[in-house]
Amino acid sequence: MPLLRLETSAALPEDKRKALLASLSTAVAEIIGKPGQYVMVAASQAAMVMSGKAGDAAFVDIRSIGGLNDDVNRKLSQQVCKLVNDSLGISPDRVYLNFTDVEDSNWGWNGSTFG
């Protein structure tokens, strides 16, 4: 049920994308404390301008039914920024993250909802 969606202006070659998706999935499961089987990670390339400047940047949207709080969000921000920097060379000051705690009745799966 956790979802991490990464949009970036950086090139996403297949080998880097696969490795980054796997690393992000593991980080989300471990830091939020949810089973890995429920974690979804998606990545796509997008045109971006940040701080009025072109250049590599990223937006990361993280949603979960529970598990998000100040401490968890800080840890996720730190780890996700590190993984994005290590994999794509994007400086952490060029990464925005958004955290959303979703009600279980507002998250569908397998023909139903979690609520």
PDB file of N, CA and C in Angstrom:
ATOM      1  N   MET A   1       0.783  -1.210   0.000  1.00  0.00           N
ATOM      2  CA  MET A   1       0.000   0.000   0.000  1.00  0.00           C
ATOM      3  C   MET A   1       0.821   1.268   0.000  1.00  0.00           C
ATOM      4  N   PRO A   2       2.087   1.242   0.457  1.00  0.00           N
ATOM      5  CA  PRO A   2       2.882   2.435   0.201  1.00  0.00           C
ATOM      6  C   PRO A   2       3.174   2.551  -1.292  1.00  0.00           C
ATOM      7  N   LEU A   3       3.137   3.776  -1.767  1.00  0.00           N
ATOM      8  CA  LEU A   3       3.459   4.078  -3.154  1.00  0.00           C
ATOM      9  C   LEU A   3       4.501   5.181  -3.169  1.00  0.00           C
ATOM     10  N   LEU A   4       5.572   4.970  -3.907  1.00  0.00           N
ATOM     11  CA  LEU A   4       6.557   6.015  -4.139  1.00  0.00           C
ATOM     12  C   LEU A   4       6.577   6.248  -5.639  1.00  0.00           C
ATOM     13  N   ARG A   5       6.299   7.489  -6.022  1.00  0.00           N
ATOM     14  CA  ARG A   5       6.308   7.868  -7.433  1.00  0.00           C
ATOM     15  C   ARG A   5       7.394   8.925  -7.635  1.00  0.00           C
ATOM     16  N   LEU A   6       8.369   8.602  -8.479  1.00  0.00           N
ATOM     17  CA  LEU A   6       9.501   9.478  -8.775  1.00  0.00           C
ATOM     18  C   LEU A   6       9.341  10.032 -10.182  1.00  0.00           C
ATOM     19  N   GLU A   7       9.391  11.350 -10.287  1.00  0.00           N
ATOM     20  CA  GLU A   7       9.463  12.018 -11.586  1.00  0.00           C
ATOM     21  C   GLU A   7      10.788  12.762 -11.603  1.00  0.00           C
ATOM     22  N   THR A   8      11.509  12.645 -12.704  1.00  0.00           N
ATOM     23  CA  THR A   8      12.817  13.278 -12.783  1.00  0.00           C
ATOM     24  C   THR A   8      13.117  13.752 -14.188  1.00  0.00           C
ATOM     25  N   SER A   9      13.923  14.786 -14.270  1.00  0.00           N
ATOM     26  CA  SER A   9      14.385  15.258 -15.572  1.00  0.00           C
ATOM     27  C   SER A   9      15.667  14.541 -15.997  1.00  0.00           C
ATOM     28  N   ALA A  10      16.244  13.768 -15.096  1.00  0.00           N
ATOM     29  CA  ALA A  10      17.475  13.032 -15.408  1.00  0.00           C
ATOM     30  C   ALA A  10      17.151  11.835 -16.308  1.00  0.00           C
ATOM     31  N   ALA A  11      18.133  11.453 -17.104  1.00  0.00           N
ATOM     32  CA  ALA A  11      17.986  10.263 -17.941  1.00  0.00           C
ATOM     33  C   ALA A  11      17.823   9.035 -17.053  1.00  0.00           C
ATOM     34  N   LEU A  12      16.953   8.133 -17.476  1.00  0.00           N
ATOM     35  CA  LEU A  12      16.698   6.908 -16.709  1.00  0.00           C
ATOM     36  C   LEU A  12      17.006   5.676 -17.566  1.00  0.00           C
ATOM     37  N   PRO A  13      18.282   5.389 -17.786  1.00  0.00           N
ATOM     38  CA  PRO A  13      18.605   4.173 -18.535  1.00  0.00           C
ATOM     39  C   PRO A  13      18.061   2.947 -17.807  1.00  0.00           C
ATOM     40  N   GLU A  14      17.723   1.928 -18.567  1.00  0.00           N
ATOM     41  CA  GLU A  14      17.062   0.737 -18.011  1.00  0.00           C
ATOM     42  C   GLU A  14      17.803   0.143 -16.815  1.00  0.00           C
ATOM     43  N   ASP A  15      19.119   0.004 -16.898  1.00  0.00           N
ATOM     44  CA  ASP A  15      19.860  -0.607 -15.799  1.00  0.00           C
ATOM     45  C   ASP A  15      19.773   0.239 -14.526  1.00  0.00           C
ATOM     46  N   LYS A  16      19.923   1.552 -14.665  1.00  0.00           N
ATOM     47  CA  LYS A  16      19.820   2.430 -13.491  1.00  0.00           C
ATOM     48  C   LYS A  16      18.408   2.433 -12.932  1.00  0.00           C
ATOM     49  N   ARG A  17      17.400   2.449 -13.823  1.00  0.00           N
ATOM     50  CA  ARG A  17      16.010   2.487 -13.379  1.00  0.00           C
ATOM     51  C   ARG A  17      15.669   1.254 -12.551  1.00  0.00           C
ATOM     52  N   LYS A  18      16.046   0.079 -13.034  1.00  0.00           N
ATOM     53  CA  LYS A  18      15.740  -1.158 -12.307  1.00  0.00           C
ATOM     54  C   LYS A  18      16.392  -1.172 -10.928  1.00  0.00           C
ATOM     55  N   ALA A  19      17.657  -0.809 -10.874  1.00  0.00           N
ATOM     56  CA  ALA A  19      18.379  -0.805  -9.593  1.00  0.00           C
ATOM     57  C   ALA A  19      17.796   0.235  -8.642  1.00  0.00           C
ATOM     58  N   LEU A  20      17.484   1.426  -9.157  1.00  0.00           N
ATOM     59  CA  LEU A  20      16.921   2.479  -8.315  1.00  0.00           C
ATOM     60  C   LEU A  20      15.546   2.086  -7.794  1.00  0.00           C
ATOM     61  N   LEU A  21      14.700   1.521  -8.653  1.00  0.00           N
ATOM     62  CA  LEU A  21      13.370   1.082  -8.211  1.00  0.00           C
ATOM     63  C   LEU A  21      13.477   0.054  -7.088  1.00  0.00           C
ATOM     64  N   ALA A  22      14.378  -0.893  -7.230  1.00  0.00           N
ATOM     65  CA  ALA A  22      14.557  -1.922  -6.204  1.00  0.00           C
ATOM     66  C   ALA A  22      15.039  -1.304  -4.889  1.00  0.00           C
ATOM     67  N   SER A  23      16.000  -0.398  -4.976  1.00  0.00           N
ATOM     68  CA  SER A  23      16.524   0.253  -3.766  1.00  0.00           C
ATOM     69  C   SER A  23      15.463   1.105  -3.080  1.00  0.00           C
ATOM     70  N   LEU A  24      14.705   1.853  -3.863  1.00  0.00           N
ATOM     71  CA  LEU A  24      13.639   2.684  -3.290  1.00  0.00           C
ATOM     72  C   LEU A  24      12.563   1.823  -2.638  1.00  0.00           C
ATOM     73  N   SER A  25      12.211   0.712  -3.263  1.00  0.00           N
ATOM     74  CA  SER A  25      11.197  -0.184  -2.704  1.00  0.00           C
ATOM     75  C   SER A  25      11.632  -0.729  -1.349  1.00  0.00           C
ATOM     76  N   THR A  26      12.876  -1.161  -1.269  1.00  0.00           N
ATOM     77  CA  THR A  26      13.411  -1.680  -0.006  1.00  0.00           C
ATOM     78  C   THR A  26      13.419  -0.603   1.065  1.00  0.00           C
ATOM     79  N   ALA A  27      13.858   0.590   0.701  1.00  0.00           N
ATOM     80  CA  ALA A  27      13.917   1.692   1.668  1.00  0.00           C
ATOM     81  C   ALA A  27      12.525   2.031   2.201  1.00  0.00           C
ATOM     82  N   VAL A  28      11.543   2.119   1.316  1.00  0.00           N
ATOM     83  CA  VAL A  28      10.172   2.442   1.741  1.00  0.00           C
ATOM     84  C   VAL A  28       9.641   1.377   2.696  1.00  0.00           C
ATOM     85  N   ALA A  29       9.797   0.117   2.340  1.00  0.00           N
ATOM     86  CA  ALA A  29       9.299  -0.968   3.199  1.00  0.00           C
ATOM     87  C   ALA A  29       9.966  -0.924   4.572  1.00  0.00           C
ATOM     88  N   GLU A  30      11.278  -0.787   4.599  1.00  0.00           N
ATOM     89  CA  GLU A  30      12.000  -0.814   5.873  1.00  0.00           C
ATOM     90  C   GLU A  30      11.692   0.407   6.738  1.00  0.00           C
ATOM     91  N   ILE A  31      11.688   1.591   6.139  1.00  0.00           N
ATOM     92  CA  ILE A  31      11.521   2.808   6.938  1.00  0.00           C
ATOM     93  C   ILE A  31      10.083   2.984   7.408  1.00  0.00           C
ATOM     94  N   ILE A  32       9.114   2.696   6.533  1.00  0.00           N
ATOM     95  CA  ILE A  32       7.712   2.830   6.940  1.00  0.00           C
ATOM     96  C   ILE A  32       7.283   1.645   7.807  1.00  0.00           C
ATOM     97  N   GLY A  33       7.917   0.495   7.601  1.00  0.00           N
ATOM     98  CA  GLY A  33       7.569  -0.689   8.384  1.00  0.00           C
ATOM     99  C   GLY A  33       6.402  -1.460   7.798  1.00  0.00           C
ATOM    100  N   LYS A  34       6.299  -1.451   6.478  1.00  0.00           N
ATOM    101  CA  LYS A  34       5.231  -2.181   5.781  1.00  0.00           C
ATOM    102  C   LYS A  34       5.846  -3.344   5.018  1.00  0.00           C
ATOM    103  N   PRO A  35       5.073  -4.417   4.804  1.00  0.00           N
ATOM    104  CA  PRO A  35       5.605  -5.546   4.039  1.00  0.00           C
ATOM    105  C   PRO A  35       5.986  -5.138   2.621  1.00  0.00           C
ATOM    106  N   GLY A  36       7.129  -5.599   2.165  1.00  0.00           N
ATOM    107  CA  GLY A  36       7.602  -5.275   0.824  1.00  0.00           C
ATOM    108  C   GLY A  36       6.639  -5.686  -0.266  1.00  0.00           C
ATOM    109  N   GLN A  37       5.854  -6.709  -0.028  1.00  0.00           N
ATOM    110  CA  GLN A  37       4.915  -7.187  -1.054  1.00  0.00           C
ATOM    111  C   GLN A  37       3.832  -6.163  -1.381  1.00  0.00           C
ATOM    112  N   TYR A  38       3.627  -5.180  -0.514  1.00  0.00           N
ATOM    113  CA  TYR A  38       2.611  -4.162  -0.751  1.00  0.00           C
ATOM    114  C   TYR A  38       3.169  -2.847  -1.293  1.00  0.00           C
ATOM    115  N   VAL A  39       4.482  -2.734  -1.406  1.00  0.00           N
ATOM    116  CA  VAL A  39       5.101  -1.490  -1.840  1.00  0.00           C
ATOM    117  C   VAL A  39       5.107  -1.414  -3.375  1.00  0.00           C
ATOM    118  N   MET A  40       4.714  -0.256  -3.904  1.00  0.00           N
ATOM    119  CA  MET A  40       4.811   0.000  -5.339  1.00  0.00           C
ATOM    120  C   MET A  40       5.701   1.220  -5.547  1.00  0.00           C
ATOM    121  N   VAL A  41       6.596   1.109  -6.522  1.00  0.00           N
ATOM    122  CA  VAL A  41       7.483   2.213  -6.870  1.00  0.00           C
ATOM    123  C   VAL A  41       7.391   2.413  -8.379  1.00  0.00           C
ATOM    124  N   ALA A  42       7.209   3.660  -8.787  1.00  0.00           N
ATOM    125  CA  ALA A  42       7.143   3.997 -10.208  1.00  0.00           C
ATOM    126  C   ALA A  42       8.104   5.141 -10.482  1.00  0.00           C
ATOM    127  N   ALA A  43       8.691   5.139 -11.668  1.00  0.00           N
ATOM    128  CA  ALA A  43       9.605   6.215 -12.052  1.00  0.00           C
ATOM    129  C   ALA A  43       9.313   6.615 -13.484  1.00  0.00           C
ATOM    130  N   SER A  44       9.354   7.917 -13.720  1.00  0.00           N
ATOM    131  CA  SER A  44       9.160   8.413 -15.079  1.00  0.00           C
ATOM    132  C   SER A  44       9.994   9.663 -15.283  1.00  0.00           C
ATOM    133  N   GLN A  45      10.276   9.916 -16.549  1.00  0.00           N
ATOM    134  CA  GLN A  45      11.026  11.101 -16.910  1.00  0.00           C
ATOM    135  C   GLN A  45      10.039  12.219 -17.214  1.00  0.00           C
ATOM    136  N   ALA A  46      10.387  13.448 -16.814  1.00  0.00           N
ATOM    137  CA  ALA A  46       9.517  14.600 -17.020  1.00  0.00           C
ATOM    138  C   ALA A  46      10.368  15.846 -17.240  1.00  0.00           C
ATOM    139  N   ALA A  47       9.811  16.791 -17.969  1.00  0.00           N
ATOM    140  CA  ALA A  47      10.471  18.084 -18.115  1.00  0.00           C
ATOM    141  C   ALA A  47      10.291  18.846 -16.811  1.00  0.00           C
ATOM    142  N   MET A  48      11.348  19.457 -16.310  1.00  0.00           N
ATOM    143  CA  MET A  48      11.289  20.163 -15.034  1.00  0.00           C
ATOM    144  C   MET A  48      12.143  21.417 -15.052  1.00  0.00           C
ATOM    145  N   VAL A  49      11.706  22.390 -14.285  1.00  0.00           N
ATOM    146  CA  VAL A  49      12.492  23.570 -13.954  1.00  0.00           C
ATOM    147  C   VAL A  49      12.364  23.727 -12.450  1.00  0.00           C
ATOM    148  N   MET A  50      13.473  23.923 -11.764  1.00  0.00           N
ATOM    149  CA  MET A  50      13.429  24.112 -10.318  1.00  0.00           C
ATOM    150  C   MET A  50      14.244  25.342  -9.979  1.00  0.00           C
ATOM    151  N   SER A  51      13.713  26.161  -9.114  1.00  0.00           N
ATOM    152  CA  SER A  51      14.370  27.409  -8.727  1.00  0.00           C
ATOM    153  C   SER A  51      14.644  28.299  -9.939  1.00  0.00           C
ATOM    154  N   GLY A  52      13.754  28.198 -10.930  1.00  0.00           N
ATOM    155  CA  GLY A  52      13.893  29.009 -12.127  1.00  0.00           C
ATOM    156  C   GLY A  52      14.979  28.551 -13.071  1.00  0.00           C
ATOM    157  N   LYS A  53      15.566  27.361 -12.783  1.00  0.00           N
ATOM    158  CA  LYS A  53      16.676  26.876 -13.600  1.00  0.00           C
ATOM    159  C   LYS A  53      16.386  25.492 -14.144  1.00  0.00           C
ATOM    160  N   ALA A  54      16.801  25.281 -15.388  1.00  0.00           N
ATOM    161  CA  ALA A  54      16.761  23.939 -15.958  1.00  0.00           C
ATOM    162  C   ALA A  54      17.858  23.122 -15.292  1.00  0.00           C
ATOM    163  N   GLY A  55      17.893  21.847 -15.555  1.00  0.00           N
ATOM    164  CA  GLY A  55      18.902  20.969 -14.960  1.00  0.00           C
ATOM    165  C   GLY A  55      18.210  19.821 -14.268  1.00  0.00           C
ATOM    166  N   ASP A  56      18.979  18.815 -13.948  1.00  0.00           N
ATOM    167  CA  ASP A  56      18.398  17.626 -13.338  1.00  0.00           C
ATOM    168  C   ASP A  56      17.761  17.962 -11.993  1.00  0.00           C
ATOM    169  N   ALA A  57      16.560  17.447 -11.815  1.00  0.00           N
ATOM    170  CA  ALA A  57      15.793  17.636 -10.591  1.00  0.00           C
ATOM    171  C   ALA A  57      14.865  16.437 -10.449  1.00  0.00           C
ATOM    172  N   ALA A  58      14.221  16.324  -9.290  1.00  0.00           N
ATOM    173  CA  ALA A  58      13.293  15.217  -9.068  1.00  0.00           C
ATOM    174  C   ALA A  58      12.171  15.638  -8.129  1.00  0.00           C
ATOM    175  N   PHE A  59      11.014  15.038  -8.351  1.00  0.00           N
ATOM    176  CA  PHE A  59       9.881  15.165  -7.451  1.00  0.00           C
ATOM    177  C   PHE A  59       9.510  13.757  -7.029  1.00  0.00           C
ATOM    178  N   VAL A  60       9.363  13.556  -5.718  1.00  0.00           N
ATOM    179  CA  VAL A  60       9.032  12.246  -5.173  1.00  0.00           C
ATOM    180  C   VAL A  60       7.755  12.370  -4.363  1.00  0.00           C
ATOM    181  N   ASP A  61       6.760  11.582  -4.735  1.00  0.00           N
ATOM    182  CA  ASP A  61       5.473  11.554  -4.042  1.00  0.00           C
ATOM    183  C   ASP A  61       5.385  10.230  -3.304  1.00  0.00           C
ATOM    184  N   ILE A  62       5.243  10.288  -1.981  1.00  0.00           N
ATOM    185  CA  ILE A  62       5.148   9.073  -1.168  1.00  0.00           C
ATOM    186  C   ILE A  62       3.807   9.073  -0.464  1.00  0.00           C
ATOM    187  N   ARG A  63       3.051   7.994  -0.672  1.00  0.00           N
ATOM    188  CA  ARG A  63       1.730   7.848  -0.050  1.00  0.00           C
ATOM    189  C   ARG A  63       1.673   6.517   0.679  1.00  0.00           C
ATOM    190  N   SER A  64       0.949   6.525   1.792  1.00  0.00           N
ATOM    191  CA  SER A  64       0.833   5.288   2.568  1.00  0.00           C
ATOM    192  C   SER A  64      -0.408   5.348   3.445  1.00  0.00           C
ATOM    193  N   ILE A  65      -0.945   4.192   3.737  1.00  0.00           N
ATOM    194  CA  ILE A  65      -2.002   4.074   4.743  1.00  0.00           C
ATOM    195  C   ILE A  65      -1.283   3.901   6.066  1.00  0.00           C
ATOM    196  N   GLY A  66      -1.201   4.963   6.830  1.00  0.00           N
ATOM    197  CA  GLY A  66      -0.477   4.909   8.095  1.00  0.00           C
ATOM    198  C   GLY A  66       1.017   4.772   7.884  1.00  0.00           C
ATOM    199  N   GLY A  67       1.746   4.865   8.955  1.00  0.00           N
ATOM    200  CA  GLY A  67       3.191   4.679   8.924  1.00  0.00           C
ATOM    201  C   GLY A  67       3.997   5.942   8.692  1.00  0.00           C
ATOM    202  N   LEU A  68       3.348   7.010   8.225  1.00  0.00           N
ATOM    203  CA  LEU A  68       4.071   8.254   7.996  1.00  0.00           C
ATOM    204  C   LEU A  68       3.935   9.155   9.219  1.00  0.00           C
ATOM    205  N   ASN A  69       5.031   9.756   9.626  1.00  0.00           N
ATOM    206  CA  ASN A  69       5.029  10.737  10.710  1.00  0.00           C
ATOM    207  C   ASN A  69       6.304  11.563  10.572  1.00  0.00           C
ATOM    208  N   ASP A  70       6.509  12.524  11.439  1.00  0.00           N
ATOM    209  CA  ASP A  70       7.660  13.426  11.309  1.00  0.00           C
ATOM    210  C   ASP A  70       8.982  12.673  11.203  1.00  0.00           C
ATOM    211  N   ASP A  71       9.204  11.710  12.091  1.00  0.00           N
ATOM    212  CA  ASP A  71      10.462  10.976  12.115  1.00  0.00           C
ATOM    213  C   ASP A  71      10.626  10.116  10.864  1.00  0.00           C
ATOM    214  N   VAL A  72       9.595   9.383  10.503  1.00  0.00           N
ATOM    215  CA  VAL A  72       9.632   8.524   9.316  1.00  0.00           C
ATOM    216  C   VAL A  72       9.858   9.368   8.065  1.00  0.00           C
ATOM    217  N   ASN A  73       9.152  10.485   7.965  1.00  0.00           N
ATOM    218  CA  ASN A  73       9.284  11.343   6.786  1.00  0.00           C
ATOM    219  C   ASN A  73      10.701  11.894   6.645  1.00  0.00           C
ATOM    220  N   ARG A  74      11.320  12.265   7.778  1.00  0.00           N
ATOM    221  CA  ARG A  74      12.705  12.744   7.729  1.00  0.00           C
ATOM    222  C   ARG A  74      13.648  11.640   7.248  1.00  0.00           C
ATOM    223  N   LYS A  75      13.447  10.428   7.779  1.00  0.00           N
ATOM    224  CA  LYS A  75      14.290   9.299   7.373  1.00  0.00           C
ATOM    225  C   LYS A  75      14.097   8.973   5.893  1.00  0.00           C
ATOM    226  N   LEU A  76      12.840   8.983   5.446  1.00  0.00           N
ATOM    227  CA  LEU A  76      12.572   8.735   4.031  1.00  0.00           C
ATOM    228  C   LEU A  76      13.217   9.812   3.164  1.00  0.00           C
ATOM    229  N   SER A  77      13.080  11.072   3.571  1.00  0.00           N
ATOM    230  CA  SER A  77      13.662  12.167   2.801  1.00  0.00           C
ATOM    231  C   SER A  77      15.170  11.980   2.671  1.00  0.00           C
ATOM    232  N   GLN A  78      15.817  11.672   3.776  1.00  0.00           N
ATOM    233  CA  GLN A  78      17.271  11.478   3.772  1.00  0.00           C
ATOM    234  C   GLN A  78      17.666  10.315   2.869  1.00  0.00           C
ATOM    235  N   GLN A  79      17.003   9.166   3.019  1.00  0.00           N
ATOM    236  CA  GLN A  79      17.389   7.973   2.269  1.00  0.00           C
ATOM    237  C   GLN A  79      17.037   8.095   0.782  1.00  0.00           C
ATOM    238  N   VAL A  80      15.863   8.625   0.481  1.00  0.00           N
ATOM    239  CA  VAL A  80      15.472   8.774  -0.917  1.00  0.00           C
ATOM    240  C   VAL A  80      16.396   9.763  -1.621  1.00  0.00           C
ATOM    241  N   CYS A  81      16.696  10.877  -0.986  1.00  0.00           N
ATOM    242  CA  CYS A  81      17.622  11.849  -1.591  1.00  0.00           C
ATOM    243  C   CYS A  81      18.991  11.222  -1.828  1.00  0.00           C
ATOM    244  N   LYS A  82      19.454  10.406  -0.900  1.00  0.00           N
ATOM    245  CA  LYS A  82      20.744   9.732  -1.065  1.00  0.00           C
ATOM    246  C   LYS A  82      20.705   8.772  -2.249  1.00  0.00           C
ATOM    247  N   LEU A  83      19.644   7.978  -2.339  1.00  0.00           N
ATOM    248  CA  LEU A  83      19.536   7.010  -3.439  1.00  0.00           C
ATOM    249  C   LEU A  83      19.437   7.712  -4.794  1.00  0.00           C
ATOM    250  N   VAL A  84      18.664   8.788  -4.859  1.00  0.00           N
ATOM    251  CA  VAL A  84      18.519   9.543  -6.102  1.00  0.00           C
ATOM    252  C   VAL A  84      19.862  10.192  -6.481  1.00  0.00           C
ATOM    253  N   ASN A  85      20.567  10.711  -5.500  1.00  0.00           N
ATOM    254  CA  ASN A  85      21.877  11.307  -5.760  1.00  0.00           C
ATOM    255  C   ASN A  85      22.875  10.251  -6.222  1.00  0.00           C
ATOM    256  N   ASP A  86      22.935   9.133  -5.505  1.00  0.00           N
ATOM    257  CA  ASP A  86      23.883   8.069  -5.854  1.00  0.00           C
ATOM    258  C   ASP A  86      23.607   7.494  -7.238  1.00  0.00           C
ATOM    259  N   SER A  87      22.344   7.328  -7.574  1.00  0.00           N
ATOM    260  CA  SER A  87      21.967   6.683  -8.829  1.00  0.00           C
ATOM    261  C   SER A  87      21.943   7.637 -10.020  1.00  0.00           C
ATOM    262  N   LEU A  88      21.393   8.839  -9.805  1.00  0.00           N
ATOM    263  CA  LEU A  88      21.164   9.758 -10.919  1.00  0.00           C
ATOM    264  C   LEU A  88      22.022  11.014 -10.861  1.00  0.00           C
ATOM    265  N   GLY A  89      22.754  11.207  -9.759  1.00  0.00           N
ATOM    266  CA  GLY A  89      23.607  12.372  -9.628  1.00  0.00           C
ATOM    267  C   GLY A  89      22.863  13.667  -9.344  1.00  0.00           C
ATOM    268  N   ILE A  90      21.622  13.563  -8.873  1.00  0.00           N
ATOM    269  CA  ILE A  90      20.828  14.751  -8.572  1.00  0.00           C
ATOM    270  C   ILE A  90      21.108  15.184  -7.140  1.00  0.00           C
ATOM    271  N   SER A  91      21.509  16.421  -6.975  1.00  0.00           N
ATOM    272  CA  SER A  91      21.794  16.965  -5.652  1.00  0.00           C
ATOM    273  C   SER A  91      20.515  16.982  -4.808  1.00  0.00           C
ATOM    274  N   PRO A  92      20.606  16.649  -3.522  1.00  0.00           N
ATOM    275  CA  PRO A  92      19.425  16.667  -2.657  1.00  0.00           C
ATOM    276  C   PRO A  92      18.690  18.008  -2.626  1.00  0.00           C
ATOM    277  N   ASP A  93      19.399  19.104  -2.899  1.00  0.00           N
ATOM    278  CA  ASP A  93      18.713  20.396  -2.913  1.00  0.00           C
ATOM    279  C   ASP A  93      17.938  20.626  -4.212  1.00  0.00           C
ATOM    280  N   ARG A  94      17.921  19.618  -5.092  1.00  0.00           N
ATOM    281  CA  ARG A  94      17.132  19.664  -6.326  1.00  0.00           C
ATOM    282  C   ARG A  94      16.049  18.577  -6.300  1.00  0.00           C
ATOM    283  N   VAL A  95      15.695  18.141  -5.092  1.00  0.00           N
ATOM    284  CA  VAL A  95      14.675  17.103  -4.921  1.00  0.00           C
ATOM    285  C   VAL A  95      13.604  17.613  -3.964  1.00  0.00           C
ATOM    286  N   TYR A  96      12.368  17.595  -4.410  1.00  0.00           N
ATOM    287  CA  TYR A  96      11.223  17.861  -3.536  1.00  0.00           C
ATOM    288  C   TYR A  96      10.542  16.534  -3.257  1.00  0.00           C
ATOM    289  N   LEU A  97      10.052  16.393  -2.017  1.00  0.00           N
ATOM    290  CA  LEU A  97       9.307  15.203  -1.628  1.00  0.00           C
ATOM    291  C   LEU A  97       7.971  15.632  -1.032  1.00  0.00           C
ATOM    292  N   ASN A  98       6.956  14.842  -1.283  1.00  0.00           N
ATOM    293  CA  ASN A  98       5.629  15.080  -0.728  1.00  0.00           C
ATOM    294  C   ASN A  98       5.177  13.793  -0.037  1.00  0.00           C
ATOM    295  N   PHE A  99       4.669  13.925   1.182  1.00  0.00           N
ATOM    296  CA  PHE A  99       4.219  12.771   1.960  1.00  0.00           C
ATOM    297  C   PHE A  99       2.713  12.891   2.202  1.00  0.00           C
ATOM    298  N   THR A 100       1.976  11.828   1.905  1.00  0.00           N
ATOM    299  CA  THR A 100       0.529  11.840   2.091  1.00  0.00           C
ATOM    300  C   THR A 100       0.090  10.579   2.817  1.00  0.00           C
ATOM    301  N   ASP A 101      -0.568  10.763   3.957  1.00  0.00           N
ATOM    302  CA  ASP A 101      -1.163   9.660   4.706  1.00  0.00           C
ATOM    303  C   ASP A 101      -2.590   9.493   4.192  1.00  0.00           C
ATOM    304  N   VAL A 102      -2.891   8.349   3.617  1.00  0.00           N
ATOM    305  CA  VAL A 102      -4.174   8.107   2.965  1.00  0.00           C
ATOM    306  C   VAL A 102      -5.074   7.254   3.866  1.00  0.00           C
ATOM    307  N   GLU A 103      -6.343   7.631   3.955  1.00  0.00           N
ATOM    308  CA  GLU A 103      -7.328   6.812   4.681  1.00  0.00           C
ATOM    309  C   GLU A 103      -7.462   5.458   3.994  1.00  0.00           C
ATOM    310  N   ASP A 104      -7.584   4.390   4.778  1.00  0.00           N
ATOM    311  CA  ASP A 104      -7.658   3.050   4.196  1.00  0.00           C
ATOM    312  C   ASP A 104      -8.848   2.865   3.253  1.00  0.00           C
ATOM    313  N   SER A 105      -9.937   3.569   3.496  1.00  0.00           N
ATOM    314  CA  SER A 105     -11.105   3.450   2.615  1.00  0.00           C
ATOM    315  C   SER A 105     -10.901   4.181   1.291  1.00  0.00           C
ATOM    316  N   ASN A 106      -9.835   4.993   1.192  1.00  0.00           N
ATOM    317  CA  ASN A 106      -9.527   5.720  -0.039  1.00  0.00           C
ATOM    318  C   ASN A 106      -8.413   5.068  -0.847  1.00  0.00           C
ATOM    319  N   TRP A 107      -8.078   3.824  -0.520  1.00  0.00           N
ATOM    320  CA  TRP A 107      -7.032   3.114  -1.245  1.00  0.00           C
ATOM    321  C   TRP A 107      -7.592   1.778  -1.718  1.00  0.00           C
ATOM    322  N   GLY A 108      -7.677   1.612  -3.032  1.00  0.00           N
ATOM    323  CA  GLY A 108      -8.237   0.395  -3.590  1.00  0.00           C
ATOM    324  C   GLY A 108      -7.170  -0.607  -3.980  1.00  0.00           C
ATOM    325  N   TRP A 109      -7.552  -1.873  -3.946  1.00  0.00           N
ATOM    326  CA  TRP A 109      -6.658  -2.965  -4.339  1.00  0.00           C
ATOM    327  C   TRP A 109      -7.475  -4.245  -4.489  1.00  0.00           C
ATOM    328  N   ASN A 110      -7.190  -4.985  -5.500  1.00  0.00           N
ATOM    329  CA  ASN A 110      -7.769  -6.305  -5.666  1.00  0.00           C
ATOM    330  C   ASN A 110      -9.287  -6.287  -5.692  1.00  0.00           C
ATOM    331  N   GLY A 111      -9.866  -5.267  -6.324  1.00  0.00           N
ATOM    332  CA  GLY A 111     -11.320  -5.173  -6.461  1.00  0.00           C
ATOM    333  C   GLY A 111     -12.035  -4.653  -5.229  1.00  0.00           C
ATOM    334  N   SER A 112     -11.309  -4.155  -4.241  1.00  0.00           N
ATOM    335  CA  SER A 112     -11.924  -3.639  -3.023  1.00  0.00           C
ATOM    336  C   SER A 112     -11.084  -2.481  -2.513  1.00  0.00           C
ATOM    337  N   THR A 113     -11.204  -2.169  -1.240  1.00  0.00           N
ATOM    338  CA  THR A 113     -10.357  -1.160  -0.592  1.00  0.00           C
ATOM    339  C   THR A 113      -9.742  -1.796   0.645  1.00  0.00           C
ATOM    340  N   PHE A 114      -8.791  -1.092   1.222  1.00  0.00           N
ATOM    341  CA  PHE A 114      -8.178  -1.583   2.451  1.00  0.00           C
ATOM    342  C   PHE A 114      -9.046  -1.264   3.674  1.00  0.00           C
ATOM    343  N   GLY A 115     -10.061  -0.417   3.502  1.00  0.00           N
ATOM    344  CA  GLY A 115     -10.906   0.015   4.638  1.00  0.00           C
ATOM    345  C   GLY A 115     -12.129  -0.805   4.856  1.00  0.00           C
TER     346      GLY A 115
END
